[in-house]
N, C-alpha and C. Protein backbone atom coordinates (compact mmCIF):
# COMPACT_ATOMS: atom_id res chain seq x y z
N MET A 1 0.84 -1.19 0.00
CA MET A 1 0.00 0.00 0.00
C MET A 1 0.88 1.25 0.00
N GLN A 2 0.59 2.15 -0.88
CA GLN A 2 1.37 3.36 -1.01
C GLN A 2 0.79 4.46 -0.13
N HIS A 3 1.64 5.19 0.55
CA HIS A 3 1.20 6.33 1.36
C HIS A 3 1.41 7.60 0.56
N ILE A 4 0.38 8.40 0.48
CA ILE A 4 0.46 9.66 -0.24
C ILE A 4 0.47 10.78 0.79
N THR A 5 1.47 11.63 0.71
CA THR A 5 1.58 12.76 1.64
C THR A 5 1.32 14.04 0.88
N TYR A 6 0.41 14.83 1.40
CA TYR A 6 0.11 16.12 0.79
C TYR A 6 0.59 17.23 1.71
N ALA A 7 1.30 18.16 1.15
CA ALA A 7 1.75 19.31 1.93
C ALA A 7 0.55 20.21 2.19
N LEU A 8 0.56 20.88 3.33
CA LEU A 8 -0.49 21.85 3.63
C LEU A 8 -0.41 23.01 2.65
N PRO A 9 -1.57 23.57 2.27
CA PRO A 9 -1.52 24.78 1.45
C PRO A 9 -0.74 25.86 2.19
N ARG A 10 -0.17 26.79 1.46
CA ARG A 10 0.68 27.83 2.06
C ARG A 10 -0.08 28.64 3.11
N TYR A 11 -1.35 29.00 2.85
CA TYR A 11 -2.11 29.77 3.83
C TYR A 11 -2.26 28.97 5.13
N ALA A 12 -2.43 27.65 5.01
CA ALA A 12 -2.56 26.81 6.20
C ALA A 12 -1.24 26.73 6.96
N GLN A 13 -0.13 26.79 6.25
CA GLN A 13 1.18 26.78 6.90
C GLN A 13 1.38 28.06 7.70
N ILE A 14 0.96 29.19 7.12
CA ILE A 14 1.08 30.48 7.82
C ILE A 14 0.18 30.48 9.05
N LYS A 15 -1.04 30.00 8.88
CA LYS A 15 -1.99 29.91 9.99
C LYS A 15 -1.41 29.03 11.10
N ALA A 16 -0.86 27.88 10.75
CA ALA A 16 -0.26 26.98 11.74
C ALA A 16 0.90 27.64 12.46
N TYR A 17 1.70 28.40 11.73
CA TYR A 17 2.83 29.12 12.34
C TYR A 17 2.33 30.10 13.39
N ILE A 18 1.32 30.89 13.04
CA ILE A 18 0.78 31.88 13.97
C ILE A 18 0.18 31.19 15.19
N LYS A 19 -0.58 30.12 14.97
CA LYS A 19 -1.17 29.39 16.09
C LYS A 19 -0.08 28.83 17.01
N ARG A 20 1.00 28.34 16.42
CA ARG A 20 2.10 27.79 17.21
C ARG A 20 2.75 28.88 18.06
N GLU A 21 2.92 30.07 17.49
CA GLU A 21 3.49 31.18 18.24
C GLU A 21 2.60 31.56 19.43
N ILE A 22 1.29 31.49 19.22
CA ILE A 22 0.34 31.79 20.31
C ILE A 22 0.38 30.68 21.35
N ASP A 23 0.29 29.42 20.89
CA ASP A 23 0.24 28.27 21.80
C ASP A 23 1.49 28.15 22.67
N THR A 24 2.64 28.52 22.12
CA THR A 24 3.89 28.39 22.88
C THR A 24 4.17 29.61 23.75
N GLY A 25 3.30 30.63 23.65
CA GLY A 25 3.48 31.82 24.47
C GLY A 25 4.45 32.83 23.89
N GLN A 26 4.93 32.59 22.68
CA GLN A 26 5.84 33.55 22.04
C GLN A 26 5.10 34.85 21.75
N TRP A 27 3.83 34.71 21.35
CA TRP A 27 2.98 35.88 21.11
C TRP A 27 1.88 35.87 22.14
N LYS A 28 1.65 37.00 22.78
CA LYS A 28 0.70 37.11 23.89
C LYS A 28 -0.57 37.85 23.47
N VAL A 29 -1.62 37.66 24.26
CA VAL A 29 -2.89 38.35 24.02
C VAL A 29 -2.64 39.85 23.96
N GLY A 30 -3.20 40.48 22.96
CA GLY A 30 -3.04 41.92 22.78
C GLY A 30 -1.85 42.32 21.94
N GLN A 31 -0.96 41.39 21.68
CA GLN A 31 0.24 41.68 20.89
C GLN A 31 -0.12 41.74 19.41
N GLN A 32 0.48 42.67 18.71
CA GLN A 32 0.25 42.81 17.27
C GLN A 32 1.04 41.74 16.53
N ILE A 33 0.40 41.13 15.53
CA ILE A 33 1.10 40.15 14.70
C ILE A 33 1.66 40.88 13.48
N PRO A 34 2.58 40.24 12.76
CA PRO A 34 3.11 40.88 11.55
C PRO A 34 1.99 41.19 10.55
N SER A 35 2.19 42.22 9.77
CA SER A 35 1.21 42.61 8.76
C SER A 35 1.11 41.53 7.68
N GLU A 36 0.04 41.57 6.92
CA GLU A 36 -0.11 40.64 5.80
C GLU A 36 1.07 40.80 4.84
N HIS A 37 1.48 42.02 4.63
CA HIS A 37 2.61 42.28 3.75
C HIS A 37 3.86 41.59 4.27
N GLN A 38 4.11 41.72 5.58
CA GLN A 38 5.29 41.10 6.18
C GLN A 38 5.21 39.58 6.13
N LEU A 39 4.03 39.03 6.45
CA LEU A 39 3.86 37.58 6.38
C LEU A 39 4.09 37.07 4.96
N ALA A 40 3.56 37.79 3.98
CA ALA A 40 3.73 37.40 2.58
C ALA A 40 5.22 37.40 2.21
N GLU A 41 5.92 38.40 2.66
CA GLU A 41 7.36 38.49 2.38
C GLU A 41 8.11 37.36 3.08
N ASP A 42 7.81 37.15 4.36
CA ASP A 42 8.51 36.12 5.15
C ASP A 42 8.29 34.72 4.58
N PHE A 43 7.06 34.44 4.13
CA PHE A 43 6.73 33.11 3.62
C PHE A 43 6.83 33.00 2.10
N GLN A 44 7.21 34.10 1.46
CA GLN A 44 7.38 34.16 0.01
C GLN A 44 6.11 33.70 -0.72
N VAL A 45 4.99 34.34 -0.33
CA VAL A 45 3.69 34.07 -0.94
C VAL A 45 3.06 35.41 -1.30
N SER A 46 1.93 35.35 -1.99
CA SER A 46 1.21 36.58 -2.32
C SER A 46 0.54 37.13 -1.05
N ARG A 47 0.23 38.40 -1.09
CA ARG A 47 -0.45 39.02 0.05
C ARG A 47 -1.82 38.39 0.25
N MET A 48 -2.46 37.98 -0.82
CA MET A 48 -3.78 37.34 -0.71
C MET A 48 -3.68 36.01 0.04
N THR A 49 -2.60 35.29 -0.14
CA THR A 49 -2.40 34.03 0.58
C THR A 49 -2.23 34.31 2.07
N ALA A 50 -1.45 35.33 2.40
CA ALA A 50 -1.27 35.72 3.80
C ALA A 50 -2.60 36.19 4.38
N ARG A 51 -3.36 36.94 3.60
CA ARG A 51 -4.67 37.44 4.05
C ARG A 51 -5.61 36.27 4.37
N GLN A 52 -5.58 35.24 3.55
CA GLN A 52 -6.45 34.09 3.78
C GLN A 52 -6.13 33.44 5.13
N ALA A 53 -4.86 33.34 5.47
CA ALA A 53 -4.47 32.78 6.77
C ALA A 53 -5.01 33.63 7.91
N VAL A 54 -4.85 34.94 7.80
CA VAL A 54 -5.30 35.86 8.85
C VAL A 54 -6.83 35.83 8.97
N LEU A 55 -7.53 35.80 7.85
CA LEU A 55 -8.99 35.75 7.88
C LEU A 55 -9.49 34.47 8.54
N ASN A 56 -8.82 33.35 8.28
CA ASN A 56 -9.18 32.10 8.94
C ASN A 56 -8.99 32.19 10.45
N LEU A 57 -7.91 32.82 10.87
CA LEU A 57 -7.66 33.00 12.30
C LEU A 57 -8.71 33.93 12.93
N MET A 58 -9.14 34.93 12.17
CA MET A 58 -10.19 35.83 12.65
C MET A 58 -11.49 35.05 12.86
N ARG A 59 -11.85 34.22 11.90
CA ARG A 59 -13.07 33.41 12.00
C ARG A 59 -13.05 32.49 13.22
N GLU A 60 -11.85 32.04 13.59
CA GLU A 60 -11.70 31.17 14.75
C GLU A 60 -11.62 31.97 16.05
N GLY A 61 -11.58 33.29 15.94
CA GLY A 61 -11.53 34.13 17.13
C GLY A 61 -10.16 34.25 17.77
N LEU A 62 -9.12 33.88 17.04
CA LEU A 62 -7.76 33.95 17.60
C LEU A 62 -7.10 35.30 17.42
N VAL A 63 -7.51 36.03 16.41
CA VAL A 63 -6.96 37.37 16.18
C VAL A 63 -8.10 38.34 15.95
N ASP A 64 -7.79 39.61 16.14
CA ASP A 64 -8.76 40.68 15.99
C ASP A 64 -8.13 41.79 15.17
N ARG A 65 -8.83 42.23 14.14
CA ARG A 65 -8.33 43.33 13.31
C ARG A 65 -8.85 44.65 13.83
N ARG A 66 -7.97 45.63 13.88
CA ARG A 66 -8.36 46.99 14.26
C ARG A 66 -8.02 47.90 13.11
N ARG A 67 -9.04 48.46 12.52
CA ARG A 67 -8.86 49.29 11.33
C ARG A 67 -7.83 50.39 11.59
N GLY A 68 -6.84 50.46 10.73
CA GLY A 68 -5.82 51.47 10.84
C GLY A 68 -4.72 51.17 11.86
N ALA A 69 -4.89 50.08 12.63
CA ALA A 69 -3.90 49.77 13.66
C ALA A 69 -3.19 48.45 13.40
N GLY A 70 -3.90 47.46 12.85
CA GLY A 70 -3.28 46.17 12.59
C GLY A 70 -4.10 45.02 13.11
N THR A 71 -3.46 43.87 13.22
CA THR A 71 -4.11 42.64 13.68
C THR A 71 -3.43 42.22 14.97
N PHE A 72 -4.24 41.85 15.96
CA PHE A 72 -3.75 41.58 17.30
C PHE A 72 -4.25 40.22 17.80
N ILE A 73 -3.50 39.59 18.68
CA ILE A 73 -3.90 38.34 19.29
C ILE A 73 -5.11 38.62 20.18
N ALA A 74 -6.17 37.83 19.98
CA ALA A 74 -7.42 38.05 20.75
C ALA A 74 -7.34 37.36 22.10
């Protein structure tokens, strides 16, 4: 039987990275996370891919966007 391994989509990898930073205490409640632009640059993806990761985290209630200020750990 052959095992097939699929890599996580890039947005899911970014989301997992942010969740890991929160879970390990590296990033604390109220702390600002990197901008979508910075995440896109760091992970070498489009800004839309980074945005998808952040939006998924928002839907889960892990981050909160503040217009004109950035995205923060909820």
